[in-house]
PDB file of N, CA and C in Angstrom:
ATOM      1  N   MET A   1      -0.904   0.806  -3.476  1.00  0.00           N
ATOM      2  CA  MET A   1      -0.343   0.473  -3.482  1.00  0.00           C
ATOM      3  C   MET A   1       1.667   0.904  -2.815  1.00  0.00           C
ATOM      4  N   THR A   2       2.255   0.868  -2.152  1.00  0.00           N
ATOM      5  CA  THR A   2       3.492   1.388  -1.382  1.00  0.00           C
ATOM      6  C   THR A   2       4.226   0.886  -1.975  1.00  0.00           C
ATOM      7  N   ARG A   3       5.246   1.486  -2.648  1.00  0.00           N
ATOM      8  CA  ARG A   3       6.237   1.521  -3.279  1.00  0.00           C
ATOM      9  C   ARG A   3       7.313   2.208  -2.986  1.00  0.00           C
ATOM     10  N   SER A   4       8.601   1.323  -2.264  1.00  0.00           N
ATOM     11  CA  SER A   4       9.424   1.567  -1.640  1.00  0.00           C
ATOM     12  C   SER A   4      10.914   0.887  -2.029  1.00  0.00           C
ATOM     13  N   VAL A   5      12.358   1.373  -2.003  1.00  0.00           N
ATOM     14  CA  VAL A   5      13.691   0.708  -2.443  1.00  0.00           C
ATOM     15  C   VAL A   5      14.213   0.622  -1.383  1.00  0.00           C
ATOM     16  N   SER A   6      14.891  -0.179  -0.737  1.00  0.00           N
ATOM     17  CA  SER A   6      15.933  -0.150   0.190  1.00  0.00           C
ATOM     18  C   SER A   6      16.499  -1.829   0.218  1.00  0.00           C
ATOM     19  N   TYR A   7      17.830  -1.151   0.550  1.00  0.00           N
ATOM     20  CA  TYR A   7      18.626  -2.535   0.589  1.00  0.00           C
ATOM     21  C   TYR A   7      18.289  -3.267   2.013  1.00  0.00           C
ATOM     22  N   VAL A   8      18.571  -4.710   1.914  1.00  0.00           N
ATOM     23  CA  VAL A   8      18.209  -5.437   3.055  1.00  0.00           C
ATOM     24  C   VAL A   8      19.137  -6.086   3.287  1.00  0.00           C
ATOM     25  N   SER A   9      19.564  -6.147   4.303  1.00  0.00           N
ATOM     26  CA  SER A   9      21.066  -7.788   4.790  1.00  0.00           C
ATOM     27  C   SER A   9      20.024  -9.233   4.925  1.00  0.00           C
ATOM     28  N   ALA A  10      21.422  -9.815   4.983  1.00  0.00           N
ATOM     29  CA  ALA A  10      21.206 -11.473   4.319  1.00  0.00           C
ATOM     30  C   ALA A  10      19.962 -12.046   5.863  1.00  0.00           C
ATOM     31  N   ALA A  11      20.307 -11.428   6.957  1.00  0.00           N
ATOM     32  CA  ALA A  11      19.960 -11.782   8.460  1.00  0.00           C
ATOM     33  C   ALA A  11      18.129 -11.128   8.152  1.00  0.00           C
ATOM     34  N   LYS A  12      17.981  -9.752   7.831  1.00  0.00           N
ATOM     35  CA  LYS A  12      17.105  -9.313   7.795  1.00  0.00           C
ATOM     36  C   LYS A  12      15.918 -10.198   6.893  1.00  0.00           C
ATOM     37  N   LEU A  13      16.011 -10.187   5.579  1.00  0.00           N
ATOM     38  CA  LEU A  13      15.257 -11.194   4.463  1.00  0.00           C
ATOM     39  C   LEU A  13      15.119 -12.386   5.132  1.00  0.00           C
ATOM     40  N   VAL A  14      16.427 -12.850   5.652  1.00  0.00           N
ATOM     41  CA  VAL A  14      15.471 -14.520   6.718  1.00  0.00           C
ATOM     42  C   VAL A  14      14.635 -14.377   7.341  1.00  0.00           C
ATOM     43  N   ALA A  15      14.416 -13.120   7.778  1.00  0.00           N
ATOM     44  CA  ALA A  15      13.402 -12.588   8.739  1.00  0.00           C
ATOM     45  C   ALA A  15      11.596 -12.552   8.554  1.00  0.00           C
ATOM     46  N   MET A  16      12.198 -11.596   7.061  1.00  0.00           N
ATOM     47  CA  MET A  16      11.291 -11.053   6.563  1.00  0.00           C
ATOM     48  C   MET A  16      10.120 -12.136   5.622  1.00  0.00           C
ATOM     49  N   ALA A  17      11.051 -13.020   5.399  1.00  0.00           N
ATOM     50  CA  ALA A  17      10.734 -13.946   4.365  1.00  0.00           C
ATOM     51  C   ALA A  17      10.152 -15.447   5.407  1.00  0.00           C
ATOM     52  N   HIS A  18      11.155 -15.700   5.945  1.00  0.00           N
ATOM     53  CA  HIS A  18      10.505 -16.967   6.963  1.00  0.00           C
ATOM     54  C   HIS A  18       8.749 -17.130   7.367  1.00  0.00           C
ATOM     55  N   GLY A  19       8.238 -18.044   6.696  1.00  0.00           N
ATOM     56  CA  GLY A  19       7.029 -17.747   6.907  1.00  0.00           C
ATOM     57  C   GLY A  19       6.149 -16.996   6.289  1.00  0.00           C
ATOM     58  N   ASN A  20       6.310 -16.290   5.705  1.00  0.00           N
ATOM     59  CA  ASN A  20       5.455 -15.339   5.064  1.00  0.00           C
ATOM     60  C   ASN A  20       5.617 -15.477   3.006  1.00  0.00           C
ATOM     61  N   PRO A  21       4.334 -15.998   3.357  1.00  0.00           N
ATOM     62  CA  PRO A  21       4.143 -16.042   1.684  1.00  0.00           C
ATOM     63  C   PRO A  21       3.711 -15.017   1.029  1.00  0.00           C
ATOM     64  N   ARG A  22       3.610 -14.051   1.047  1.00  0.00           N
ATOM     65  CA  ARG A  22       3.605 -12.745   0.586  1.00  0.00           C
ATOM     66  C   ARG A  22       5.208 -11.723   0.213  1.00  0.00           C
ATOM     67  N   VAL A  23       6.565 -12.242   0.264  1.00  0.00           N
ATOM     68  CA  VAL A  23       7.618 -12.274  -0.074  1.00  0.00           C
ATOM     69  C   VAL A  23       8.023 -12.874  -1.298  1.00  0.00           C
ATOM     70  N   ALA A  24       8.586 -12.331  -2.406  1.00  0.00           N
ATOM     71  CA  ALA A  24       8.907 -12.973  -3.161  1.00  0.00           C
ATOM     72  C   ALA A  24      10.743 -13.307  -3.768  1.00  0.00           C
ATOM     73  N   ILE A  25      11.274 -13.613  -3.288  1.00  0.00           N
ATOM     74  CA  ILE A  25      12.888 -13.679  -3.348  1.00  0.00           C
ATOM     75  C   ILE A  25      13.014 -13.702  -5.469  1.00  0.00           C
ATOM     76  N   ILE A  26      13.696 -12.891  -5.793  1.00  0.00           N
ATOM     77  CA  ILE A  26      14.406 -12.874  -7.481  1.00  0.00           C
ATOM     78  C   ILE A  26      15.474 -12.809  -7.419  1.00  0.00           C
ATOM     79  N   ASP A  27      15.735 -14.228  -7.839  1.00  0.00           N
ATOM     80  CA  ASP A  27      17.282 -14.200  -8.439  1.00  0.00           C
ATOM     81  C   ASP A  27      17.301 -13.730  -9.939  1.00  0.00           C
ATOM     82  N   VAL A  28      18.667 -12.545  -9.929  1.00  0.00           N
ATOM     83  CA  VAL A  28      18.882 -11.732 -11.210  1.00  0.00           C
ATOM     84  C   VAL A  28      20.417 -12.795 -11.332  1.00  0.00           C
ATOM     85  N   ARG A  29      20.848 -13.653 -10.641  1.00  0.00           N
ATOM     86  CA  ARG A  29      22.449 -13.879 -10.910  1.00  0.00           C
ATOM     87  C   ARG A  29      22.408 -15.345 -12.202  1.00  0.00           C
ATOM     88  N   ASP A  30      23.532 -15.138 -12.802  1.00  0.00           N
ATOM     89  CA  ASP A  30      23.188 -16.385 -14.378  1.00  0.00           C
ATOM     90  C   ASP A  30      23.075 -17.500 -13.200  1.00  0.00           C
ATOM     91  N   GLU A  31      23.424 -18.357 -14.741  1.00  0.00           N
ATOM     92  CA  GLU A  31      23.170 -19.906 -14.422  1.00  0.00           C
ATOM     93  C   GLU A  31      24.143 -20.265 -13.651  1.00  0.00           C
ATOM     94  N   GLU A  32      25.332 -19.863 -13.666  1.00  0.00           N
ATOM     95  CA  GLU A  32      26.440 -20.951 -12.849  1.00  0.00           C
ATOM     96  C   GLU A  32      26.782 -20.400 -11.217  1.00  0.00           C
ATOM     97  N   ARG A  33      26.728 -19.047 -11.154  1.00  0.00           N
ATOM     98  CA  ARG A  33      26.370 -18.773  -9.220  1.00  0.00           C
ATOM     99  C   ARG A  33      25.083 -18.705  -8.701  1.00  0.00           C
ATOM    100  N   ARG A  34      24.042 -18.993  -9.287  1.00  0.00           N
ATOM    101  CA  ARG A  34      22.995 -19.698  -8.709  1.00  0.00           C
ATOM    102  C   ARG A  34      22.985 -20.986  -8.711  1.00  0.00           C
ATOM    103  N   TYR A  35      23.655 -21.994  -9.696  1.00  0.00           N
ATOM    104  CA  TYR A  35      24.309 -23.583  -9.188  1.00  0.00           C
ATOM    105  C   TYR A  35      24.837 -23.174  -8.019  1.00  0.00           C
ATOM    106  N   GLU A  36      25.835 -22.932  -7.547  1.00  0.00           N
ATOM    107  CA  GLU A  36      27.332 -22.699  -6.704  1.00  0.00           C
ATOM    108  C   GLU A  36      25.528 -22.250  -5.230  1.00  0.00           C
ATOM    109  N   ALA A  37      24.621 -21.078  -5.712  1.00  0.00           N
ATOM    110  CA  ALA A  37      24.498 -20.948  -4.509  1.00  0.00           C
ATOM    111  C   ALA A  37      23.212 -20.695  -4.572  1.00  0.00           C
ATOM    112  N   HIS A  38      22.296 -21.917  -4.464  1.00  0.00           N
ATOM    113  CA  HIS A  38      20.889 -21.711  -4.976  1.00  0.00           C
ATOM    114  C   HIS A  38      20.243 -20.945  -3.645  1.00  0.00           C
ATOM    115  N   ILE A  39      19.063 -20.091  -3.755  1.00  0.00           N
ATOM    116  CA  ILE A  39      18.369 -19.487  -2.824  1.00  0.00           C
ATOM    117  C   ILE A  39      17.084 -20.901  -2.965  1.00  0.00           C
ATOM    118  N   ALA A  40      16.112 -21.159  -1.643  1.00  0.00           N
ATOM    119  CA  ALA A  40      15.408 -22.181  -1.552  1.00  0.00           C
ATOM    120  C   ALA A  40      14.101 -21.166  -1.746  1.00  0.00           C
ATOM    121  N   GLY A  41      13.515 -21.707  -2.365  1.00  0.00           N
ATOM    122  CA  GLY A  41      12.036 -21.068  -2.743  1.00  0.00           C
ATOM    123  C   GLY A  41      12.357 -19.701  -3.772  1.00  0.00           C
ATOM    124  N   SER A  42      13.243 -19.519  -3.988  1.00  0.00           N
ATOM    125  CA  SER A  42      13.774 -17.989  -4.899  1.00  0.00           C
ATOM    126  C   SER A  42      13.362 -18.585  -6.301  1.00  0.00           C
ATOM    127  N   HIS A  43      12.909 -17.083  -7.341  1.00  0.00           N
ATOM    128  CA  HIS A  43      12.419 -17.075  -8.135  1.00  0.00           C
ATOM    129  C   HIS A  43      13.656 -16.982  -9.375  1.00  0.00           C
ATOM    130  N   HIS A  44      13.704 -18.269 -10.557  1.00  0.00           N
ATOM    131  CA  HIS A  44      15.193 -17.373 -10.889  1.00  0.00           C
ATOM    132  C   HIS A  44      14.720 -16.359 -12.194  1.00  0.00           C
ATOM    133  N   PHE A  45      15.137 -15.258 -12.443  1.00  0.00           N
ATOM    134  CA  PHE A  45      15.473 -14.303 -13.557  1.00  0.00           C
ATOM    135  C   PHE A  45      16.868 -14.235 -14.364  1.00  0.00           C
ATOM    136  N   ALA A  46      17.238 -14.462 -14.560  1.00  0.00           N
ATOM    137  CA  ALA A  46      18.796 -14.092 -15.180  1.00  0.00           C
ATOM    138  C   ALA A  46      18.795 -12.700 -15.612  1.00  0.00           C
ATOM    139  N   SER A  47      19.463 -11.600 -15.077  1.00  0.00           N
ATOM    140  CA  SER A  47      19.644 -10.555 -15.814  1.00  0.00           C
ATOM    141  C   SER A  47      19.341 -10.200 -16.763  1.00  0.00           C
ATOM    142  N   GLY A  48      20.236 -11.248 -17.736  1.00  0.00           N
ATOM    143  CA  GLY A  48      20.430 -11.071 -19.220  1.00  0.00           C
ATOM    144  C   GLY A  48      19.730 -11.322 -19.860  1.00  0.00           C
ATOM    145  N   SER A  49      18.153 -11.768 -19.509  1.00  0.00           N
ATOM    146  CA  SER A  49      16.929 -11.967 -19.809  1.00  0.00           C
ATOM    147  C   SER A  49      15.716 -11.733 -19.273  1.00  0.00           C
ATOM    148  N   PHE A  50      16.266 -10.806 -18.617  1.00  0.00           N
ATOM    149  CA  PHE A  50      15.519 -10.194 -17.244  1.00  0.00           C
ATOM    150  C   PHE A  50      13.699  -9.468 -17.771  1.00  0.00           C
ATOM    151  N   ALA A  51      14.392  -8.480 -19.131  1.00  0.00           N
ATOM    152  CA  ALA A  51      13.955  -8.000 -19.773  1.00  0.00           C
ATOM    153  C   ALA A  51      12.190  -8.144 -20.361  1.00  0.00           C
ATOM    154  N   ALA A  52      12.941  -9.207 -21.155  1.00  0.00           N
ATOM    155  CA  ALA A  52      12.216 -10.411 -21.883  1.00  0.00           C
ATOM    156  C   ALA A  52      11.423 -10.983 -21.243  1.00  0.00           C
ATOM    157  N   ARG A  53      11.630 -11.599 -19.454  1.00  0.00           N
ATOM    158  CA  ARG A  53      10.734 -12.615 -18.661  1.00  0.00           C
ATOM    159  C   ARG A  53       9.599 -11.626 -17.848  1.00  0.00           C
ATOM    160  N   LEU A  54       9.724 -10.479 -18.356  1.00  0.00           N
ATOM    161  CA  LEU A  54       8.569  -9.431 -17.085  1.00  0.00           C
ATOM    162  C   LEU A  54       7.835  -9.653 -17.250  1.00  0.00           C
ATOM    163  N   PRO A  55       6.217 -10.437 -17.979  1.00  0.00           N
ATOM    164  CA  PRO A  55       5.408 -10.684 -18.359  1.00  0.00           C
ATOM    165  C   PRO A  55       5.265 -12.097 -17.296  1.00  0.00           C
ATOM    166  N   GLU A  56       6.191 -12.710 -17.420  1.00  0.00           N
ATOM    167  CA  GLU A  56       6.072 -14.305 -16.515  1.00  0.00           C
ATOM    168  C   GLU A  56       6.601 -13.582 -15.074  1.00  0.00           C
ATOM    169  N   LEU A  57       7.438 -12.448 -14.641  1.00  0.00           N
ATOM    170  CA  LEU A  57       7.562 -12.339 -13.554  1.00  0.00           C
ATOM    171  C   LEU A  57       6.478 -11.842 -12.901  1.00  0.00           C
ATOM    172  N   ALA A  58       5.934 -11.053 -13.796  1.00  0.00           N
ATOM    173  CA  ALA A  58       4.444 -10.336 -13.095  1.00  0.00           C
ATOM    174  C   ALA A  58       3.267 -11.533 -12.370  1.00  0.00           C
ATOM    175  N   ARG A  59       3.257 -12.785 -13.618  1.00  0.00           N
ATOM    176  CA  ARG A  59       2.136 -13.654 -13.065  1.00  0.00           C
ATOM    177  C   ARG A  59       2.947 -14.238 -12.232  1.00  0.00           C
ATOM    178  N   ALA A  60       4.635 -14.895 -12.212  1.00  0.00           N
ATOM    179  CA  ALA A  60       4.852 -15.566 -10.737  1.00  0.00           C
ATOM    180  C   ALA A  60       4.949 -14.506  -9.172  1.00  0.00           C
ATOM    181  N   THR A  61       4.238 -13.411  -9.348  1.00  0.00           N
ATOM    182  CA  THR A  61       4.877 -12.786  -8.270  1.00  0.00           C
ATOM    183  C   THR A  61       3.261 -11.505  -7.860  1.00  0.00           C
ATOM    184  N   SER A  62       2.769 -11.980  -9.388  1.00  0.00           N
ATOM    185  CA  SER A  62       0.784 -11.403  -8.652  1.00  0.00           C
ATOM    186  C   SER A  62       0.443 -11.518  -7.034  1.00  0.00           C
ATOM    187  N   ASP A  63       0.941 -12.117  -6.205  1.00  0.00           N
ATOM    188  CA  ASP A  63       0.213 -12.247  -4.836  1.00  0.00           C
ATOM    189  C   ASP A  63       1.476 -11.824  -4.062  1.00  0.00           C
ATOM    190  N   LYS A  64       2.166 -11.260  -4.553  1.00  0.00           N
ATOM    191  CA  LYS A  64       3.101 -10.866  -3.327  1.00  0.00           C
ATOM    192  C   LYS A  64       2.737  -9.430  -3.160  1.00  0.00           C
ATOM    193  N   ASP A  65       3.128  -9.138  -1.933  1.00  0.00           N
ATOM    194  CA  ASP A  65       3.584  -7.617  -1.324  1.00  0.00           C
ATOM    195  C   ASP A  65       5.119  -7.445  -1.379  1.00  0.00           C
ATOM    196  N   THR A  66       5.968  -7.907  -0.858  1.00  0.00           N
ATOM    197  CA  THR A  66       6.862  -7.790  -1.391  1.00  0.00           C
ATOM    198  C   THR A  66       8.319  -8.261  -2.350  1.00  0.00           C
ATOM    199  N   LEU A  67       9.137  -7.723  -3.326  1.00  0.00           N
ATOM    200  CA  LEU A  67       9.889  -8.329  -3.949  1.00  0.00           C
ATOM    201  C   LEU A  67      11.195  -8.389  -4.055  1.00  0.00           C
ATOM    202  N   VAL A  68      11.951  -9.018  -3.068  1.00  0.00           N
ATOM    203  CA  VAL A  68      13.591  -8.800  -2.973  1.00  0.00           C
ATOM    204  C   VAL A  68      13.804  -9.806  -3.884  1.00  0.00           C
ATOM    205  N   PHE A  69      14.996  -8.334  -4.404  1.00  0.00           N
ATOM    206  CA  PHE A  69      16.418  -8.807  -6.176  1.00  0.00           C
ATOM    207  C   PHE A  69      17.786  -9.088  -5.575  1.00  0.00           C
ATOM    208  N   HIS A  70      18.040 -10.160  -5.565  1.00  0.00           N
ATOM    209  CA  HIS A  70      19.016 -10.637  -5.106  1.00  0.00           C
ATOM    210  C   HIS A  70      19.848 -10.999  -6.262  1.00  0.00           C
ATOM    211  N   CYS A  71      21.021 -10.784  -6.151  1.00  0.00           N
ATOM    212  CA  CYS A  71      22.356 -10.828  -7.537  1.00  0.00           C
ATOM    213  C   CYS A  71      23.879 -11.360  -6.712  1.00  0.00           C
ATOM    214  N   ALA A  72      24.675 -11.964  -7.181  1.00  0.00           N
ATOM    215  CA  ALA A  72      25.833 -12.482  -6.057  1.00  0.00           C
ATOM    216  C   ALA A  72      26.921 -10.487  -6.298  1.00  0.00           C
ATOM    217  N   LEU A  73      26.286  -9.664  -6.864  1.00  0.00           N
ATOM    218  CA  LEU A  73      26.584  -8.204  -6.589  1.00  0.00           C
ATOM    219  C   LEU A  73      25.508  -7.485  -6.638  1.00  0.00           C
ATOM    220  N   SER A  74      24.990  -7.822  -5.252  1.00  0.00           N
ATOM    221  CA  SER A  74      23.482  -6.598  -5.400  1.00  0.00           C
ATOM    222  C   SER A  74      23.581  -5.402  -5.615  1.00  0.00           C
ATOM    223  N   LYS A  75      24.522  -5.067  -5.988  1.00  0.00           N
ATOM    224  CA  LYS A  75      24.263  -3.543  -6.129  1.00  0.00           C
ATOM    225  C   LYS A  75      24.562  -3.301  -7.382  1.00  0.00           C
ATOM    226  N   VAL A  76      24.581  -4.329  -8.162  1.00  0.00           N
ATOM    227  CA  VAL A  76      25.023  -4.355  -9.592  1.00  0.00           C
ATOM    228  C   VAL A  76      23.657  -4.509 -10.346  1.00  0.00           C
ATOM    229  N   LYS A  77      23.206  -5.880 -10.528  1.00  0.00           N
ATOM    230  CA  LYS A  77      22.519  -6.419 -11.450  1.00  0.00           C
ATOM    231  C   LYS A  77      20.784  -6.141 -10.821  1.00  0.00           C
ATOM    232  N   SER A  78      20.652  -6.116  -9.543  1.00  0.00           N
ATOM    233  CA  SER A  78      19.638  -5.524  -8.737  1.00  0.00           C
ATOM    234  C   SER A  78      19.118  -4.655  -9.357  1.00  0.00           C
ATOM    235  N   PRO A  79      19.858  -3.606  -9.127  1.00  0.00           N
ATOM    236  CA  PRO A  79      18.646  -2.422  -9.255  1.00  0.00           C
ATOM    237  C   PRO A  79      18.428  -1.881 -10.806  1.00  0.00           C
ATOM    238  N   PRO A  80      18.993  -2.048 -11.602  1.00  0.00           N
ATOM    239  CA  PRO A  80      18.472  -2.164 -13.029  1.00  0.00           C
ATOM    240  C   PRO A  80      17.537  -3.046 -13.406  1.00  0.00           C
ATOM    241  N   SER A  81      17.487  -4.687 -13.071  1.00  0.00           N
ATOM    242  CA  SER A  81      16.022  -5.341 -12.770  1.00  0.00           C
ATOM    243  C   SER A  81      15.074  -4.806 -12.028  1.00  0.00           C
ATOM    244  N   LEU A  82      15.356  -4.293 -11.280  1.00  0.00           N
ATOM    245  CA  LEU A  82      13.959  -3.566 -10.452  1.00  0.00           C
ATOM    246  C   LEU A  82      13.531  -2.432 -10.888  1.00  0.00           C
ATOM    247  N   SER A  83      14.491  -1.207 -11.481  1.00  0.00           N
ATOM    248  CA  SER A  83      13.966  -0.479 -12.564  1.00  0.00           C
ATOM    249  C   SER A  83      13.163  -0.630 -13.747  1.00  0.00           C
ATOM    250  N   SER A  84      13.358  -1.980 -14.456  1.00  0.00           N
ATOM    251  CA  SER A  84      12.658  -2.737 -15.211  1.00  0.00           C
ATOM    252  C   SER A  84      11.445  -3.136 -14.775  1.00  0.00           C
ATOM    253  N   ILE A  85      11.147  -2.891 -13.709  1.00  0.00           N
ATOM    254  CA  ILE A  85      10.455  -3.805 -13.486  1.00  0.00           C
ATOM    255  C   ILE A  85       9.115  -2.940 -12.803  1.00  0.00           C
ATOM    256  N   LEU A  86       9.781  -1.372 -11.931  1.00  0.00           N
ATOM    257  CA  LEU A  86       9.070  -0.436 -11.577  1.00  0.00           C
ATOM    258  C   LEU A  86       8.437   0.233 -12.646  1.00  0.00           C
ATOM    259  N   ALA A  87       8.845   0.148 -14.026  1.00  0.00           N
ATOM    260  CA  ALA A  87       9.209   1.322 -15.075  1.00  0.00           C
ATOM    261  C   ALA A  87       7.460   0.244 -15.645  1.00  0.00           C
ATOM    262  N   LYS A  88       7.102  -0.665 -15.200  1.00  0.00           N
ATOM    263  CA  LYS A  88       6.063  -1.291 -16.009  1.00  0.00           C
ATOM    264  C   LYS A  88       5.318  -1.486 -15.046  1.00  0.00           C
ATOM    265  N   LEU A  89       5.221  -1.147 -13.768  1.00  0.00           N
ATOM    266  CA  LEU A  89       4.080  -0.568 -12.779  1.00  0.00           C
ATOM    267  C   LEU A  89       3.196   0.231 -13.057  1.00  0.00           C
TER     268      LEU A  89
END
């Protein structure tokens, strides 16, 4: 399994995910921000409960090749969430 980490633009994410069932978008925003701008088809795992829900995330994404982590401030909450899951792989 190849592991790489990179930032992607919204346009690139749309191109990557469109029609590709092997891509999962993990939304780590809190409930309020997620409600304001829901990402269709995303999995919601708020950063505050992320670590406790890792087993659930693993099950939800077991058939995915690419996981994309998103938050309102993508360089703030997404990296720690990503680090948590990489440590478990």
